[in-house]
Protein backbone atom coordinates (compact mmCIF):
# COMPACT_ATOMS: atom_id res chain seq x y z
CA UNK A 1 208.72 224.26 0.62
CA UNK A 2 207.79 220.56 0.19
CA UNK A 3 207.64 219.98 -3.73
CA UNK A 4 203.95 218.87 -4.69
CA UNK A 5 203.05 215.40 -5.91
CA UNK A 6 203.37 214.97 -9.53
CA UNK A 7 199.87 214.28 -10.13
CA UNK A 8 198.73 217.31 -8.34
CA UNK A 9 201.56 219.01 -10.24
CA UNK A 10 200.61 218.42 -13.69
CA UNK A 11 196.99 219.05 -12.82
CA UNK A 12 197.28 222.29 -11.93
CA UNK A 13 200.14 223.30 -14.41
CA UNK A 14 197.45 222.35 -17.60
CA UNK A 15 194.18 223.79 -15.87
CA UNK A 16 196.52 227.08 -14.91
CA UNK A 17 197.88 226.97 -19.07
CA UNK A 18 194.01 226.24 -19.81
CA UNK A 19 193.44 229.20 -18.14
CA UNK A 20 195.86 231.40 -19.52
CA UNK A 21 195.02 230.18 -23.40
CA UNK A 22 191.17 231.10 -22.77
CA UNK A 23 192.42 234.81 -21.01
CA UNK A 24 194.63 235.23 -24.28
CA UNK A 25 191.95 234.64 -27.13
CA UNK A 26 189.61 236.67 -25.24
CA UNK A 27 191.56 239.51 -24.78
CA UNK A 28 192.79 239.14 -28.28
CA UNK A 29 188.47 238.93 -29.38
CA UNK A 30 188.15 241.81 -27.05
CA UNK A 31 190.67 244.06 -28.69
CA UNK A 32 190.26 243.06 -32.21
CA UNK A 33 186.80 244.19 -31.89
CA UNK A 34 185.34 240.99 -33.40
CA UNK A 35 181.87 240.61 -34.07
CA UNK A 36 181.18 238.22 -36.17
CA UNK A 37 183.30 235.19 -37.72
CA UNK A 38 182.60 234.76 -42.06
CA UNK A 39 181.78 231.08 -42.22
CA UNK A 40 182.16 232.58 -46.46
CA UNK A 41 185.44 233.87 -46.47
CA UNK A 42 188.43 231.40 -48.59
CA UNK A 43 191.20 230.12 -46.64
CA UNK A 44 193.66 232.38 -48.07
CA UNK A 45 197.51 231.51 -47.70
CA UNK A 46 198.30 234.08 -44.62
CA UNK A 47 195.46 232.64 -42.68
CA UNK A 48 197.01 228.98 -43.56
CA UNK A 49 200.46 229.67 -42.50
CA UNK A 50 199.33 231.44 -39.52
CA UNK A 51 197.26 228.43 -38.58
CA UNK A 52 200.78 226.21 -39.39
CA UNK A 53 202.51 228.59 -36.73
CA UNK A 54 199.65 228.82 -34.00
CA UNK A 55 200.27 223.96 -34.28
CA UNK A 56 203.66 224.88 -34.31
CA UNK A 57 203.33 227.06 -30.64
CA UNK A 58 201.09 223.88 -29.67
CA UNK A 59 203.44 221.32 -30.08
CA UNK A 60 206.19 223.08 -28.64
CA UNK A 61 204.10 224.05 -25.74
CA UNK A 62 202.88 221.11 -25.57
CA UNK A 63 206.69 219.78 -25.50
CA UNK A 64 207.93 222.45 -22.78
CA UNK A 65 205.07 220.90 -20.41
CA UNK A 66 206.31 218.11 -20.89
CA UNK A 67 209.75 218.78 -20.22
CA UNK A 68 208.57 221.02 -17.49
CA UNK A 69 207.01 218.41 -15.18
CA UNK A 70 210.03 215.84 -16.12
CA UNK A 71 212.17 218.74 -14.80
CA UNK A 72 209.59 219.25 -11.48
CA UNK A 73 210.35 215.34 -11.14
CA UNK A 74 213.69 215.47 -10.97
CA UNK A 75 214.09 217.40 -8.45
CA UNK A 76 211.57 215.59 -6.73
CA UNK A 77 213.50 213.12 -6.55
CA UNK A 78 216.59 214.76 -5.92
CA UNK A 79 215.28 216.59 -3.26
CA UNK A 80 213.75 212.98 -1.85
CA UNK A 81 217.60 212.12 -1.93
CA UNK A 82 219.24 214.81 -0.51
CA UNK A 83 216.56 213.88 2.53
CA UNK A 84 217.71 210.51 2.84
CA UNK A 85 221.22 211.51 3.18
CA UNK A 86 220.75 214.24 5.56
CA UNK A 87 218.87 212.08 7.95
CA UNK A 88 221.54 209.32 7.25
CA UNK A 89 224.29 211.90 8.47
CA UNK A 90 222.23 212.55 11.20
CA UNK A 91 221.69 208.86 12.13
CA UNK A 92 225.61 208.54 11.64
CA UNK A 93 226.34 211.78 13.86
CA UNK A 94 223.36 211.12 16.78
CA UNK A 95 225.29 207.28 17.10
CA UNK A 96 228.18 208.60 18.00
CA UNK A 97 227.09 211.64 19.74
CA UNK A 98 225.09 209.41 22.22
CA UNK A 99 228.21 206.57 22.36
CA UNK A 100 229.91 209.83 23.71
CA UNK A 101 227.41 210.41 26.14
CA UNK A 102 227.70 206.96 27.66
CA UNK A 103 231.36 207.08 27.60
CA UNK A 104 233.31 206.36 31.21
CA UNK A 105 234.80 209.89 30.95
CA UNK A 106 233.50 213.01 31.97
CA UNK A 107 235.28 214.96 29.83
CA UNK A 108 234.00 212.85 26.07
CA UNK A 109 230.62 212.86 27.96
CA UNK A 110 230.76 216.68 27.89
CA UNK A 111 231.74 216.80 23.69
CA UNK A 112 229.00 214.20 23.49
CA UNK A 113 226.48 216.57 24.93
CA UNK A 114 227.99 219.42 22.34
CA UNK A 115 227.87 217.05 19.63
CA UNK A 116 223.71 216.31 20.95
CA UNK A 117 223.02 220.07 20.81
CA UNK A 118 224.07 221.18 17.62
CA UNK A 119 222.81 218.22 15.84
CA UNK A 120 219.53 219.46 17.33
CA UNK A 121 219.90 222.54 15.86
CA UNK A 122 220.76 220.99 12.26
CA UNK A 123 218.23 218.48 12.62
CA UNK A 124 216.67 218.48 9.41
CA UNK A 125 213.19 217.60 10.87
CA UNK A 126 211.16 218.64 14.34
CA UNK A 127 211.25 214.85 15.28
CA UNK A 128 215.09 214.39 15.37
CA UNK A 129 215.82 217.66 16.44
CA UNK A 130 213.06 216.30 19.60
CA UNK A 131 214.52 212.49 19.35
CA UNK A 132 217.85 214.64 20.57
CA UNK A 133 216.26 217.03 23.19
CA UNK A 134 214.75 214.02 24.99
CA UNK A 135 217.81 212.06 25.03
CA UNK A 136 219.39 215.08 26.77
CA UNK A 137 216.54 215.20 29.22
CA UNK A 138 216.94 211.74 29.82
CA UNK A 139 220.84 211.80 30.35
CA UNK A 140 219.71 214.24 33.15
CA UNK A 141 217.09 211.78 34.66
CA UNK A 142 219.35 209.05 35.38
CA UNK A 143 220.35 208.09 38.91
CA UNK A 144 223.30 209.97 39.98
CA UNK A 145 226.07 209.55 42.68
CA UNK A 146 225.75 211.95 45.40
CA UNK A 147 228.34 213.97 46.56
CA UNK A 148 230.83 212.05 48.96
CA UNK A 149 231.99 215.30 50.74
CA UNK A 150 235.15 216.59 52.14
CA UNK A 151 237.70 213.89 53.81
CA UNK A 152 236.71 212.92 57.53
CA UNK A 153 239.59 212.49 59.94
CA UNK A 154 238.43 210.06 62.03
CA UNK A 155 237.11 206.83 60.43
CA UNK A 156 234.22 204.33 62.37
CA UNK A 157 236.92 202.60 63.69
CA UNK A 158 238.28 205.48 65.18
CA UNK A 159 241.48 205.55 63.29
CA UNK A 160 242.46 208.19 60.54
CA UNK A 161 242.57 206.89 57.49
CA UNK A 162 244.98 206.24 55.31
CA UNK A 163 247.08 208.39 51.91
CA UNK A 164 245.49 205.88 50.11
CA UNK A 165 242.25 206.17 51.39
CA UNK A 166 242.24 209.97 51.16
CA UNK A 167 243.33 209.61 47.55
CA UNK A 168 240.58 207.42 46.43
CA UNK A 169 237.69 209.82 48.23
CA UNK A 170 239.75 213.06 46.67
CA UNK A 171 239.17 210.95 43.02
CA UNK A 172 236.33 209.89 43.94
CA UNK A 173 235.06 213.25 44.98
CA UNK A 174 236.73 214.69 41.73
CA UNK A 175 234.62 212.44 39.56
CA UNK A 176 231.27 213.93 41.16
CA UNK A 177 231.98 216.81 40.41
CA UNK A 178 232.95 216.63 36.98
CA UNK A 179 229.82 214.45 36.16
CA UNK A 180 228.05 217.28 37.90
CA UNK A 181 229.27 219.79 35.67
CA UNK A 182 228.02 217.77 32.37
CA UNK A 183 224.75 217.92 33.62
CA UNK A 184 224.86 221.65 34.78
CA UNK A 185 226.28 222.63 30.95
CA UNK A 186 223.20 220.46 29.58
CA UNK A 187 220.51 222.28 31.90
CA UNK A 188 222.09 225.55 30.72
CA UNK A 189 221.89 225.06 27.51
CA UNK A 190 218.30 223.73 26.95
CA UNK A 191 217.25 227.42 28.62
CA UNK A 192 219.36 228.96 26.67
CA UNK A 193 218.05 227.35 23.28
CA UNK A 194 214.68 227.72 24.92
CA UNK A 195 215.54 231.61 24.56
CA UNK A 196 215.48 231.60 21.31
CA UNK A 197 212.77 233.12 19.00
CA UNK A 198 210.53 231.09 17.26
CA UNK A 199 212.24 231.10 13.65
CA UNK A 200 215.85 231.16 14.23
CA UNK A 201 218.43 229.70 14.39
CA UNK A 202 218.98 227.28 17.27
CA UNK A 203 215.50 227.75 18.97
CA UNK A 204 213.88 224.86 20.31
CA UNK A 205 210.72 226.49 21.13
CA UNK A 206 207.57 224.29 20.22
CA UNK A 207 209.76 221.23 21.43
CA UNK A 208 208.72 218.92 24.18
CA UNK A 209 210.82 219.31 27.38
CA UNK A 210 210.41 216.34 30.28
CA UNK A 211 212.67 217.81 33.29
CA UNK A 212 210.59 215.29 35.51
CA UNK A 213 212.39 214.67 38.73
CA UNK A 214 215.07 216.00 37.45
CA UNK A 215 217.56 217.95 40.41
CA UNK A 216 218.12 221.14 39.05
CA UNK A 217 221.33 222.75 41.18
CA UNK A 218 223.10 225.59 39.23
CA UNK A 219 221.65 228.58 37.47
CA UNK A 220 219.43 228.20 34.30
CA UNK A 221 218.14 231.58 32.46
CA UNK A 222 214.48 231.15 30.72
CA UNK A 223 214.69 235.37 30.52
CA UNK A 224 211.99 236.00 27.83
CA UNK A 225 211.46 232.11 26.59
CA UNK A 226 208.49 230.32 25.09
CA UNK A 227 206.63 227.49 26.28
CA UNK A 228 204.10 225.94 23.50
CA UNK A 229 204.79 222.72 24.19
CA UNK A 230 204.78 220.17 26.51
CA UNK A 231 206.59 221.19 29.35
CA UNK A 232 207.34 219.02 33.06
CA UNK A 233 208.84 219.37 35.81
CA UNK A 234 206.67 217.42 37.89
CA UNK A 235 208.63 216.46 41.04
CA UNK A 236 211.89 218.35 40.29
CA UNK A 237 213.76 219.19 42.90
CA UNK A 238 215.07 223.09 42.38
CA UNK A 239 218.02 223.34 45.57
CA UNK A 240 220.22 225.43 44.74
CA UNK A 241 221.26 228.39 41.68
CA UNK A 242 218.64 230.64 39.81
CA UNK A 243 216.64 229.75 38.35
CA UNK A 244 214.97 232.55 35.73
CA UNK A 245 211.91 232.33 34.05
CA UNK A 246 211.03 236.34 33.77
CA UNK A 247 209.26 237.82 31.22
CA UNK A 248 208.46 234.19 29.60
CA UNK A 249 205.44 233.22 27.96
CA UNK A 250 203.58 230.46 28.50
CA UNK A 251 201.35 230.56 25.16
CA UNK A 252 198.43 228.03 24.87
CA UNK A 253 201.62 225.09 26.36
CA UNK A 254 200.93 222.30 29.20
CA UNK A 255 203.34 223.46 31.63
CA UNK A 256 203.56 221.00 35.00
CA UNK A 257 205.29 221.66 38.09
CA UNK A 258 203.06 219.09 39.39
CA UNK A 259 204.78 217.76 43.62
CA UNK A 260 208.29 219.77 43.04
CA UNK A 261 210.03 220.68 45.11
CA UNK A 262 211.57 224.51 45.79
CA UNK A 263 214.10 223.75 48.81
CA UNK A 264 216.87 226.57 48.26
CA UNK A 265 217.90 229.10 45.92
CA UNK A 266 215.28 231.00 43.77
CA UNK A 267 212.91 230.42 40.63
CA UNK A 268 210.97 233.55 39.49
CA UNK A 269 208.54 234.12 36.76
CA UNK A 270 208.43 237.78 37.15
CA UNK A 271 206.82 239.52 35.04
CA UNK A 272 205.70 235.71 33.30
CA UNK A 273 202.49 235.97 30.80
CA UNK A 274 200.44 233.01 31.36
CA UNK A 275 198.15 232.68 28.64
CA UNK A 276 195.35 230.76 27.06
CA UNK A 277 196.99 227.03 28.84
CA UNK A 278 197.66 225.58 32.10
CA UNK A 279 200.41 226.07 34.44
CA UNK A 280 200.40 223.17 37.23
CA UNK A 281 201.86 223.48 40.77
CA UNK A 282 199.24 220.86 42.67
CA UNK A 283 201.18 219.90 45.36
CA UNK A 284 204.56 221.72 45.27
CA UNK A 285 206.29 222.37 48.08
CA UNK A 286 207.64 225.76 48.44
CA UNK A 287 209.81 225.09 52.14
CA UNK A 288 213.59 227.48 51.63
CA UNK A 289 213.94 228.90 48.17
CA UNK A 290 212.92 232.37 47.02
CA UNK A 291 209.93 231.81 45.07
CA UNK A 292 207.91 235.22 43.27
CA UNK A 293 205.12 235.96 40.84
CA UNK A 294 205.80 239.72 40.33
CA UNK A 295 204.27 241.83 37.59
CA UNK A 296 202.54 237.75 36.13
CA UNK A 297 200.23 237.92 34.39
CA UNK A 298 197.19 235.24 34.19
CA UNK A 299 195.25 235.73 31.44
CA UNK A 300 192.79 232.75 29.78
CA UNK A 301 195.13 230.31 31.66
CA UNK A 302 194.27 227.69 34.19
CA UNK A 303 196.95 227.76 37.33
CA UNK A 304 196.12 225.64 39.55
CA UNK A 305 198.35 225.45 43.69
CA UNK A 306 196.19 222.72 44.51
CA UNK A 307 197.50 221.03 47.86
CA UNK A 308 200.51 223.14 47.73
CA UNK A 309 202.48 223.58 50.95
CA UNK A 310 204.33 226.71 51.55
CA UNK A 311 206.44 226.40 55.10
CA UNK A 312 209.49 228.38 54.59
CA UNK A 313 211.31 230.72 51.86
CA UNK A 314 208.99 233.81 50.36
CA UNK A 315 206.71 233.26 47.63
CA UNK A 316 205.60 236.06 46.05
CA UNK A 317 202.52 237.34 43.81
CA UNK A 318 202.90 241.41 44.54
CA UNK A 319 201.60 243.13 41.37
CA UNK A 320 200.11 240.00 39.82
CA UNK A 321 197.69 240.61 37.54
CA UNK A 322 194.64 237.56 37.59
CA UNK A 323 192.38 238.86 34.12
CA UNK A 324 190.54 236.68 32.70
CA UNK A 325 192.37 233.12 33.67
CA UNK A 326 192.44 231.36 36.96
CA UNK A 327 194.16 231.04 40.06
CA UNK A 328 193.36 228.05 42.41
CA UNK A 329 194.72 227.38 45.53
CA UNK A 330 192.66 225.51 46.95
CA UNK A 331 193.75 223.25 50.19
CA UNK A 332 197.27 224.51 50.01
CA UNK A 333 198.79 225.08 53.50
CA UNK A 334 200.01 228.25 54.65
CA UNK A 335 202.48 226.75 57.96
CA UNK A 336 205.29 228.76 57.22
CA UNK A 337 207.71 231.24 55.56
CA UNK A 338 206.45 234.40 54.13
CA UNK A 339 203.45 234.50 51.10
CA UNK A 340 202.57 237.85 49.92
CA UNK A 341 199.85 239.25 47.07
CA UNK A 342 200.96 242.90 47.48
CA UNK A 343 198.76 245.48 45.48
CA UNK A 344 197.48 242.05 43.30
CA UNK A 345 194.80 242.41 41.12
CA UNK A 346 191.74 240.21 40.37
CA UNK A 347 189.96 241.29 37.57
CA UNK A 348 187.70 239.13 35.00
CA UNK A 349 189.24 235.75 36.59
CA UNK A 350 188.37 233.95 39.22
CA UNK A 351 191.00 233.00 42.30
CA UNK A 352 190.10 229.79 44.81
CA UNK A 353 191.27 229.79 48.27
CA UNK A 354 188.89 227.32 49.30
CA UNK A 355 189.88 224.54 51.83
CA UNK A 356 193.23 226.76 52.59
CA UNK A 357 194.49 226.27 56.34
CA UNK A 358 197.00 228.39 58.19
CA UNK A 359 198.26 232.56 57.94
CA UNK A 360 196.30 234.75 55.47
CA UNK A 361 199.47 235.92 52.95
CA UNK A 362 200.11 239.72 53.12
CA UNK A 363 198.45 241.46 51.01
CA UNK A 364 195.80 238.80 49.93
CA UNK A 365 193.05 241.08 51.48
CA UNK A 366 193.66 244.23 50.26
CA UNK A 367 193.98 242.32 47.03
CA UNK A 368 190.20 240.91 48.04
CA UNK A 369 188.15 244.18 48.75
CA UNK A 370 189.06 245.71 45.03
CA UNK A 371 188.70 242.27 42.68
CA UNK A 372 185.93 242.57 40.42
CA UNK A 373 186.35 239.36 39.84
CA UNK A 374 184.81 236.43 41.97
CA UNK A 375 187.69 235.21 44.65
CA UNK A 376 186.48 232.64 46.97
CA UNK A 377 188.57 232.01 50.44
CA UNK A 378 188.59 229.14 52.70
CA UNK A 379 186.20 228.46 55.76
CA UNK A 380 188.67 227.71 57.86
CA UNK A 381 189.52 231.74 57.96
CA UNK A 382 188.78 234.23 60.02
CA UNK A 383 187.59 236.53 56.92
CA UNK A 384 184.85 237.29 54.80
CA UNK A 385 183.38 234.93 51.98
């Protein structure tokens, strides 16, 4: 804990000293059973000696109090100096790590990634930790070269590529793979640190995360992670790999997957808890991935899928429960793929499919029949409203 300001410390110390002195005096009077003070009594030598001892005791106590305040102030100054020194060392390490991250060598960039990650773990303040995370996320948002692919057998003019051209193409592809490994390492480290429980060393829970427009094409495991800040996946592309948010907790946080594209791989939110916050999937496109919210609990949280497009892959809300929250798929388009609500439970909340078009998701009618909450279906569907 930070030390109090000297003024507050001195005031509190004097108040406590007065209270302690008053308490001791009252206790002595009560124990000795004094009834009244005899004003006619003479001051004898023993009483005079006791008064002298009391005077010296008061002086010694005052001196001790002054010494305590001086020591407190010295400790506070030392603490401030140590904090400045830690911040200075952090700044030096931060500059070195960022310089490594901007190197032309993928290997040095990889070293910079681990240096920034360790720096975030050791940051003396939350603000400095957030800065390290922001730099890693900004690196992921930088434009990257596309995969050059395999060497073609014939060029545009119908001739075969020379040995130099083949070697240059292979070098280009090797560099692409190396830089992709740097990106994948950052994504994996982010997922690992958000999965560490709050209060443990290396936990980034509570820090903001901005992966806007980032291409996620590798495995990421947020198993049991806790999101308590602002997390953005707006416009992100989930094209390969397995991204797991299984049993993650979205508690009183703002998480956004607006306009995200799920075109390959899988993204699972099985058993996730959406509580007291909002998770937005507005405008998201599900065109080829396997996305599941099986067993998810939407409790006192707002989760809109408004204008989402379900055109391919499989999206399942099997055994999902809406209890006290809201699940909205207004103006969603179900034009392909498979969407299911098998054994879903709608209770003490609201579920809306107003304006939705396309085929009816599997299991939805059964969920509506057993619903104990307000469920609004699209007027374009030939089912009860």
